[in-house]
């Protein structure tokens, strides 16, 4: 799911990507919730995700394995449908 929180009170959760395919072809749905309580829960979830994430530097990205690069190229063949 994609999420957004604005000013701690306007929240959205849904499947919509910010690209033309999502807007024109896909059947996407988002829920918009107004409220401070829900906004606080959204912020807490985001902060928990951020704490569990790992930063990837440009140097690390450039040193990814040949197998990973092949997987990426294969995925690009299907990107229109993904």
PDB file of N, CA and C in Angstrom:
ATOM      1  N   UNK A   1       0.845  -1.186   0.000  1.00  0.00           N
ATOM      2  CA  UNK A   1       0.000   0.000   0.000  1.00  0.00           C
ATOM      3  C   UNK A   1       0.884   1.241   0.000  1.00  0.00           C
ATOM      4  N   UNK A   2       0.351   2.288  -0.546  1.00  0.00           N
ATOM      5  CA  UNK A   2       1.019   3.584  -0.516  1.00  0.00           C
ATOM      6  C   UNK A   2       0.294   4.445   0.497  1.00  0.00           C
ATOM      7  N   UNK A   3       1.045   5.211   1.261  1.00  0.00           N
ATOM      8  CA  UNK A   3       0.442   6.044   2.289  1.00  0.00           C
ATOM      9  C   UNK A   3       0.973   7.462   2.193  1.00  0.00           C
ATOM     10  N   UNK A   4       0.177   8.388   2.702  1.00  0.00           N
ATOM     11  CA  UNK A   4       0.608   9.782   2.830  1.00  0.00           C
ATOM     12  C   UNK A   4      -0.076  10.377   4.046  1.00  0.00           C
ATOM     13  N   UNK A   5       0.621  11.292   4.684  1.00  0.00           N
ATOM     14  CA  UNK A   5       0.082  11.994   5.845  1.00  0.00           C
ATOM     15  C   UNK A   5       0.446  13.464   5.700  1.00  0.00           C
ATOM     16  N   UNK A   6      -0.553  14.319   5.771  1.00  0.00           N
ATOM     17  CA  UNK A   6      -0.342  15.759   5.636  1.00  0.00           C
ATOM     18  C   UNK A   6      -0.859  16.448   6.891  1.00  0.00           C
ATOM     19  N   UNK A   7       0.016  17.245   7.484  1.00  0.00           N
ATOM     20  CA  UNK A   7      -0.308  18.031   8.681  1.00  0.00           C
ATOM     21  C   UNK A   7      -0.828  17.190   9.841  1.00  0.00           C
ATOM     22  N   UNK A   8      -0.550  15.893   9.834  1.00  0.00           N
ATOM     23  CA  UNK A   8      -0.949  15.037  10.935  1.00  0.00           C
ATOM     24  C   UNK A   8      -2.424  14.706  11.003  1.00  0.00           C
ATOM     25  N   UNK A   9      -3.227  15.204  10.044  1.00  0.00           N
ATOM     26  CA  UNK A   9      -4.675  14.968  10.112  1.00  0.00           C
ATOM     27  C   UNK A   9      -5.272  14.426   8.816  1.00  0.00           C
ATOM     28  N   UNK A  10      -4.622  14.632   7.678  1.00  0.00           N
ATOM     29  CA  UNK A  10      -5.149  14.153   6.394  1.00  0.00           C
ATOM     30  C   UNK A  10      -4.307  12.957   5.998  1.00  0.00           C
ATOM     31  N   UNK A  11      -4.931  11.778   5.966  1.00  0.00           N
ATOM     32  CA  UNK A  11      -4.215  10.539   5.663  1.00  0.00           C
ATOM     33  C   UNK A  11      -4.840   9.867   4.457  1.00  0.00           C
ATOM     34  N   UNK A  12      -4.005   9.215   3.676  1.00  0.00           N
ATOM     35  CA  UNK A  12      -4.511   8.389   2.587  1.00  0.00           C
ATOM     36  C   UNK A  12      -3.726   7.081   2.562  1.00  0.00           C
ATOM     37  N   UNK A  13      -4.439   6.005   2.299  1.00  0.00           N
ATOM     38  CA  UNK A  13      -3.859   4.670   2.187  1.00  0.00           C
ATOM     39  C   UNK A  13      -4.490   4.026   0.971  1.00  0.00           C
ATOM     40  N   UNK A  14      -3.666   3.462   0.082  1.00  0.00           N
ATOM     41  CA  UNK A  14      -4.259   2.823  -1.080  1.00  0.00           C
ATOM     42  C   UNK A  14      -3.244   2.201  -2.006  1.00  0.00           C
ATOM     43  N   UNK A  15      -3.733   1.846  -3.181  1.00  0.00           N
ATOM     44  CA  UNK A  15      -2.912   1.133  -4.153  1.00  0.00           C
ATOM     45  C   UNK A  15      -2.408   2.013  -5.288  1.00  0.00           C
ATOM     46  N   UNK A  16      -2.866   3.246  -5.377  1.00  0.00           N
ATOM     47  CA  UNK A  16      -2.538   4.099  -6.513  1.00  0.00           C
ATOM     48  C   UNK A  16      -1.058   4.459  -6.553  1.00  0.00           C
ATOM     49  N   UNK A  17      -0.452   4.262  -7.717  1.00  0.00           N
ATOM     50  CA  UNK A  17       0.900   4.738  -7.994  1.00  0.00           C
ATOM     51  C   UNK A  17       0.793   6.096  -8.668  1.00  0.00           C
ATOM     52  N   UNK A  18       1.813   6.903  -8.559  1.00  0.00           N
ATOM     53  CA  UNK A  18       1.807   8.214  -9.205  1.00  0.00           C
ATOM     54  C   UNK A  18       2.421   8.099 -10.596  1.00  0.00           C
ATOM     55  N   UNK A  19       1.721   7.367 -11.468  1.00  0.00           N
ATOM     56  CA  UNK A  19       2.143   7.263 -12.860  1.00  0.00           C
ATOM     57  C   UNK A  19       0.909   7.197 -13.753  1.00  0.00           C
ATOM     58  N   UNK A  20       1.118   7.434 -15.051  1.00  0.00           N
ATOM     59  CA  UNK A  20      -0.015   7.494 -15.981  1.00  0.00           C
ATOM     60  C   UNK A  20      -0.747   6.170 -16.089  1.00  0.00           C
ATOM     61  N   UNK A  21      -0.016   5.052 -16.003  1.00  0.00           N
ATOM     62  CA  UNK A  21      -0.691   3.757 -16.113  1.00  0.00           C
ATOM     63  C   UNK A  21      -1.727   3.596 -15.002  1.00  0.00           C
ATOM     64  N   UNK A  22      -1.367   3.954 -13.785  1.00  0.00           N
ATOM     65  CA  UNK A  22      -2.315   3.848 -12.670  1.00  0.00           C
ATOM     66  C   UNK A  22      -3.518   4.748 -12.881  1.00  0.00           C
ATOM     67  N   UNK A  23      -3.264   5.963 -13.352  1.00  0.00           N
ATOM     68  CA  UNK A  23      -4.357   6.917 -13.525  1.00  0.00           C
ATOM     69  C   UNK A  23      -5.281   6.549 -14.683  1.00  0.00           C
ATOM     70  N   UNK A  24      -4.721   6.002 -15.773  1.00  0.00           N
ATOM     71  CA  UNK A  24      -5.510   5.767 -16.982  1.00  0.00           C
ATOM     72  C   UNK A  24      -6.008   4.337 -17.152  1.00  0.00           C
ATOM     73  N   UNK A  25      -5.249   3.347 -16.681  1.00  0.00           N
ATOM     74  CA  UNK A  25      -5.578   1.957 -17.006  1.00  0.00           C
ATOM     75  C   UNK A  25      -5.950   1.094 -15.804  1.00  0.00           C
ATOM     76  N   UNK A  26      -5.290   1.295 -14.701  1.00  0.00           N
ATOM     77  CA  UNK A  26      -5.497   0.418 -13.546  1.00  0.00           C
ATOM     78  C   UNK A  26      -6.724   0.827 -12.746  1.00  0.00           C
ATOM     79  N   UNK A  27      -7.317  -0.132 -12.110  1.00  0.00           N
ATOM     80  CA  UNK A  27      -8.435   0.147 -11.209  1.00  0.00           C
ATOM     81  C   UNK A  27      -7.865   0.217  -9.796  1.00  0.00           C
ATOM     82  N   UNK A  28      -7.518   1.425  -9.398  1.00  0.00           N
ATOM     83  CA  UNK A  28      -6.875   1.666  -8.110  1.00  0.00           C
ATOM     84  C   UNK A  28      -7.896   2.219  -7.123  1.00  0.00           C
ATOM     85  N   UNK A  29      -7.582   2.095  -5.842  1.00  0.00           N
ATOM     86  CA  UNK A  29      -8.469   2.646  -4.816  1.00  0.00           C
ATOM     87  C   UNK A  29      -7.618   3.174  -3.656  1.00  0.00           C
ATOM     88  N   UNK A  30      -8.041   4.295  -3.131  1.00  0.00           N
ATOM     89  CA  UNK A  30      -7.418   4.889  -1.946  1.00  0.00           C
ATOM     90  C   UNK A  30      -8.509   5.265  -0.960  1.00  0.00           C
ATOM     91  N   UNK A  31      -8.197   5.162   0.314  1.00  0.00           N
ATOM     92  CA  UNK A  31      -9.090   5.649   1.369  1.00  0.00           C
ATOM     93  C   UNK A  31      -8.463   6.907   1.954  1.00  0.00           C
ATOM     94  N   UNK A  32      -9.272   7.928   2.147  1.00  0.00           N
ATOM     95  CA  UNK A  32      -8.817   9.170   2.766  1.00  0.00           C
ATOM     96  C   UNK A  32      -9.495   9.283   4.125  1.00  0.00           C
ATOM     97  N   UNK A  33      -8.695   9.527   5.152  1.00  0.00           N
ATOM     98  CA  UNK A  33      -9.207   9.631   6.517  1.00  0.00           C
ATOM     99  C   UNK A  33      -8.774  10.974   7.085  1.00  0.00           C
ATOM    100  N   UNK A  34      -9.739  11.719   7.608  1.00  0.00           N
ATOM    101  CA  UNK A  34      -9.449  12.978   8.284  1.00  0.00           C
ATOM    102  C   UNK A  34      -9.534  12.749   9.783  1.00  0.00           C
ATOM    103  N   UNK A  35      -8.487  13.083  10.501  1.00  0.00           N
ATOM    104  CA  UNK A  35      -8.528  12.926  11.948  1.00  0.00           C
ATOM    105  C   UNK A  35      -7.148  12.836  12.552  1.00  0.00           C
ATOM    106  N   UNK A  36      -6.999  13.439  13.688  1.00  0.00           N
ATOM    107  CA  UNK A  36      -5.716  13.468  14.378  1.00  0.00           C
ATOM    108  C   UNK A  36      -5.326  12.094  14.919  1.00  0.00           C
ATOM    109  N   UNK A  37      -6.277  11.333  15.463  1.00  0.00           N
ATOM    110  CA  UNK A  37      -5.959  10.016  16.035  1.00  0.00           C
ATOM    111  C   UNK A  37      -5.395   9.077  14.977  1.00  0.00           C
ATOM    112  N   UNK A  38      -6.080   9.000  13.840  1.00  0.00           N
ATOM    113  CA  UNK A  38      -5.597   8.135  12.763  1.00  0.00           C
ATOM    114  C   UNK A  38      -4.261   8.650  12.242  1.00  0.00           C
ATOM    115  N   UNK A  39      -4.127   9.959  12.134  1.00  0.00           N
ATOM    116  CA  UNK A  39      -2.866  10.550  11.688  1.00  0.00           C
ATOM    117  C   UNK A  39      -1.705  10.185  12.598  1.00  0.00           C
ATOM    118  N   UNK A  40      -1.942  10.171  13.892  1.00  0.00           N
ATOM    119  CA  UNK A  40      -0.887   9.788  14.837  1.00  0.00           C
ATOM    120  C   UNK A  40      -0.490   8.329  14.654  1.00  0.00           C
ATOM    121  N   UNK A  41      -1.471   7.467  14.392  1.00  0.00           N
ATOM    122  CA  UNK A  41      -1.156   6.046  14.145  1.00  0.00           C
ATOM    123  C   UNK A  41      -0.372   5.886  12.845  1.00  0.00           C
ATOM    124  N   UNK A  42      -0.743   6.669  11.833  1.00  0.00           N
ATOM    125  CA  UNK A  42      -0.001   6.624  10.566  1.00  0.00           C
ATOM    126  C   UNK A  42       1.449   7.060  10.787  1.00  0.00           C
ATOM    127  N   UNK A  43       1.638   8.146  11.531  1.00  0.00           N
ATOM    128  CA  UNK A  43       2.991   8.639  11.802  1.00  0.00           C
ATOM    129  C   UNK A  43       3.800   7.582  12.566  1.00  0.00           C
ATOM    130  N   UNK A  44       3.195   6.938  13.558  1.00  0.00           N
ATOM    131  CA  UNK A  44       3.889   5.905  14.334  1.00  0.00           C
ATOM    132  C   UNK A  44       4.285   4.732  13.442  1.00  0.00           C
ATOM    133  N   UNK A  45       3.397   4.331  12.534  1.00  0.00           N
ATOM    134  CA  UNK A  45       3.704   3.227  11.618  1.00  0.00           C
ATOM    135  C   UNK A  45       4.860   3.611  10.695  1.00  0.00           C
ATOM    136  N   UNK A  46       4.844   4.842  10.186  1.00  0.00           N
ATOM    137  CA  UNK A  46       5.923   5.299   9.316  1.00  0.00           C
ATOM    138  C   UNK A  46       7.254   5.310  10.068  1.00  0.00           C
ATOM    139  N   UNK A  47       7.243   5.826  11.289  1.00  0.00           N
ATOM    140  CA  UNK A  47       8.475   5.891  12.071  1.00  0.00           C
ATOM    141  C   UNK A  47       9.002   4.498  12.397  1.00  0.00           C
ATOM    142  N   UNK A  48       8.102   3.538  12.640  1.00  0.00           N
ATOM    143  CA  UNK A  48       8.532   2.152  12.884  1.00  0.00           C
ATOM    144  C   UNK A  48       9.153   1.561  11.622  1.00  0.00           C
ATOM    145  N   UNK A  49       8.535   1.816  10.471  1.00  0.00           N
ATOM    146  CA  UNK A  49       9.102   1.338   9.205  1.00  0.00           C
ATOM    147  C   UNK A  49      10.478   1.954   8.959  1.00  0.00           C
ATOM    148  N   UNK A  50      10.593   3.242   9.215  1.00  0.00           N
ATOM    149  CA  UNK A  50      11.867   3.931   9.014  1.00  0.00           C
ATOM    150  C   UNK A  50      12.949   3.363   9.929  1.00  0.00           C
ATOM    151  N   UNK A  51      12.600   3.083  11.180  1.00  0.00           N
ATOM    152  CA  UNK A  51      13.563   2.523  12.130  1.00  0.00           C
ATOM    153  C   UNK A  51      14.027   1.131  11.706  1.00  0.00           C
ATOM    154  N   UNK A  52      13.171   0.382  11.020  1.00  0.00           N
ATOM    155  CA  UNK A  52      13.510  -0.977  10.592  1.00  0.00           C
ATOM    156  C   UNK A  52      14.173  -1.010   9.217  1.00  0.00           C
ATOM    157  N   UNK A  53      14.303   0.138   8.578  1.00  0.00           N
ATOM    158  CA  UNK A  53      14.862   0.176   7.226  1.00  0.00           C
ATOM    159  C   UNK A  53      16.383   0.256   7.259  1.00  0.00           C
ATOM    160  N   UNK A  54      16.977   0.012   6.102  1.00  0.00           N
ATOM    161  CA  UNK A  54      18.430   0.066   5.965  1.00  0.00           C
ATOM    162  C   UNK A  54      18.767   1.037   4.843  1.00  0.00           C
ATOM    163  N   UNK A  55      19.637   1.988   5.129  1.00  0.00           N
ATOM    164  CA  UNK A  55      20.059   2.939   4.102  1.00  0.00           C
ATOM    165  C   UNK A  55      20.978   2.237   3.113  1.00  0.00           C
ATOM    166  N   UNK A  56      20.765   2.511   1.822  1.00  0.00           N
ATOM    167  CA  UNK A  56      21.619   1.979   0.772  1.00  0.00           C
ATOM    168  C   UNK A  56      22.329   3.160   0.127  1.00  0.00           C
ATOM    169  N   UNK A  57      23.646   3.141   0.177  1.00  0.00           N
ATOM    170  CA  UNK A  57      24.420   4.226  -0.418  1.00  0.00           C
ATOM    171  C   UNK A  57      24.583   3.990  -1.916  1.00  0.00           C
ATOM    172  N   UNK A  58      24.979   5.036  -2.631  1.00  0.00           N
ATOM    173  CA  UNK A  58      25.232   4.900  -4.065  1.00  0.00           C
ATOM    174  C   UNK A  58      26.324   3.866  -4.310  1.00  0.00           C
ATOM    175  N   UNK A  59      27.354   3.877  -3.490  1.00  0.00           N
ATOM    176  CA  UNK A  59      28.442   2.907  -3.655  1.00  0.00           C
ATOM    177  C   UNK A  59      27.934   1.475  -3.483  1.00  0.00           C
ATOM    178  N   UNK A  60      27.074   1.234  -2.499  1.00  0.00           N
ATOM    179  CA  UNK A  60      26.505  -0.108  -2.309  1.00  0.00           C
ATOM    180  C   UNK A  60      25.645  -0.501  -3.508  1.00  0.00           C
ATOM    181  N   UNK A  61      24.851   0.432  -3.998  1.00  0.00           N
ATOM    182  CA  UNK A  61      23.973   0.149  -5.141  1.00  0.00           C
ATOM    183  C   UNK A  61      24.806  -0.210  -6.369  1.00  0.00           C
ATOM    184  N   UNK A  62      25.888   0.510  -6.578  1.00  0.00           N
ATOM    185  CA  UNK A  62      26.727   0.254  -7.749  1.00  0.00           C
ATOM    186  C   UNK A  62      27.475  -1.066  -7.637  1.00  0.00           C
ATOM    187  N   UNK A  63      27.634  -1.605  -6.445  1.00  0.00           N
ATOM    188  CA  UNK A  63      28.359  -2.856  -6.236  1.00  0.00           C
ATOM    189  C   UNK A  63      27.437  -4.069  -6.132  1.00  0.00           C
ATOM    190  N   UNK A  64      26.168  -3.918  -6.500  1.00  0.00           N
ATOM    191  CA  UNK A  64      25.266  -5.068  -6.405  1.00  0.00           C
ATOM    192  C   UNK A  64      25.726  -6.160  -7.372  1.00  0.00           C
ATOM    193  N   UNK A  65      25.330  -7.371  -7.081  1.00  0.00           N
ATOM    194  CA  UNK A  65      25.855  -8.540  -7.790  1.00  0.00           C
ATOM    195  C   UNK A  65      25.330  -8.626  -9.223  1.00  0.00           C
ATOM    196  N   UNK A  66      26.062  -9.358 -10.070  1.00  0.00           N
ATOM    197  CA  UNK A  66      25.572  -9.583 -11.437  1.00  0.00           C
ATOM    198  C   UNK A  66      24.211 -10.286 -11.456  1.00  0.00           C
ATOM    199  N   UNK A  67      23.980 -11.194 -10.523  1.00  0.00           N
ATOM    200  CA  UNK A  67      22.684 -11.882 -10.452  1.00  0.00           C
ATOM    201  C   UNK A  67      21.570 -10.874 -10.193  1.00  0.00           C
ATOM    202  N   UNK A  68      21.794  -9.947  -9.277  1.00  0.00           N
ATOM    203  CA  UNK A  68      20.791  -8.922  -8.989  1.00  0.00           C
ATOM    204  C   UNK A  68      20.530  -8.058 -10.220  1.00  0.00           C
ATOM    205  N   UNK A  69      21.571  -7.709 -10.948  1.00  0.00           N
ATOM    206  CA  UNK A  69      21.419  -6.883 -12.154  1.00  0.00           C
ATOM    207  C   UNK A  69      20.609  -7.619 -13.228  1.00  0.00           C
ATOM    208  N   UNK A  70      20.835  -8.918 -13.356  1.00  0.00           N
ATOM    209  CA  UNK A  70      20.067  -9.719 -14.322  1.00  0.00           C
ATOM    210  C   UNK A  70      18.599  -9.753 -13.920  1.00  0.00           C
ATOM    211  N   UNK A  71      18.330  -9.921 -12.636  1.00  0.00           N
ATOM    212  CA  UNK A  71      16.942  -9.895 -12.152  1.00  0.00           C
ATOM    213  C   UNK A  71      16.280  -8.560 -12.481  1.00  0.00           C
ATOM    214  N   UNK A  72      17.008  -7.469 -12.305  1.00  0.00           N
ATOM    215  CA  UNK A  72      16.467  -6.144 -12.613  1.00  0.00           C
ATOM    216  C   UNK A  72      16.139  -6.016 -14.096  1.00  0.00           C
ATOM    217  N   UNK A  73      17.042  -6.498 -14.957  1.00  0.00           N
ATOM    218  CA  UNK A  73      16.800  -6.430 -16.401  1.00  0.00           C
ATOM    219  C   UNK A  73      15.585  -7.271 -16.785  1.00  0.00           C
ATOM    220  N   UNK A  74      15.463  -8.447 -16.189  1.00  0.00           N
ATOM    221  CA  UNK A  74      14.310  -9.300 -16.459  1.00  0.00           C
ATOM    222  C   UNK A  74      13.025  -8.606 -16.028  1.00  0.00           C
ATOM    223  N   UNK A  75      13.046  -7.981 -14.857  1.00  0.00           N
ATOM    224  CA  UNK A  75      11.878  -7.255 -14.368  1.00  0.00           C
ATOM    225  C   UNK A  75      11.475  -6.117 -15.292  1.00  0.00           C
ATOM    226  N   UNK A  76      12.453  -5.465 -15.902  1.00  0.00           N
ATOM    227  CA  UNK A  76      12.145  -4.358 -16.815  1.00  0.00           C
ATOM    228  C   UNK A  76      11.367  -4.831 -18.042  1.00  0.00           C
ATOM    229  N   UNK A  77      11.562  -6.087 -18.430  1.00  0.00           N
ATOM    230  CA  UNK A  77      10.801  -6.626 -19.564  1.00  0.00           C
ATOM    231  C   UNK A  77       9.304  -6.625 -19.274  1.00  0.00           C
ATOM    232  N   UNK A  78       8.943  -6.725 -18.002  1.00  0.00           N
ATOM    233  CA  UNK A  78       7.554  -6.840 -17.582  1.00  0.00           C
ATOM    234  C   UNK A  78       7.020  -5.573 -16.925  1.00  0.00           C
ATOM    235  N   UNK A  79       7.796  -4.485 -16.929  1.00  0.00           N
ATOM    236  CA  UNK A  79       7.419  -3.303 -16.149  1.00  0.00           C
ATOM    237  C   UNK A  79       6.074  -2.712 -16.555  1.00  0.00           C
ATOM    238  N   UNK A  80       5.675  -2.838 -17.803  1.00  0.00           N
ATOM    239  CA  UNK A  80       4.386  -2.290 -18.230  1.00  0.00           C
ATOM    240  C   UNK A  80       3.238  -2.959 -17.478  1.00  0.00           C
ATOM    241  N   UNK A  81       3.377  -4.259 -17.208  1.00  0.00           N
ATOM    242  CA  UNK A  81       2.299  -5.017 -16.570  1.00  0.00           C
ATOM    243  C   UNK A  81       2.440  -5.107 -15.054  1.00  0.00           C
ATOM    244  N   UNK A  82       3.557  -4.689 -14.520  1.00  0.00           N
ATOM    245  CA  UNK A  82       3.771  -4.801 -13.070  1.00  0.00           C
ATOM    246  C   UNK A  82       3.212  -3.611 -12.333  1.00  0.00           C
TER     247      UNK A  82
END
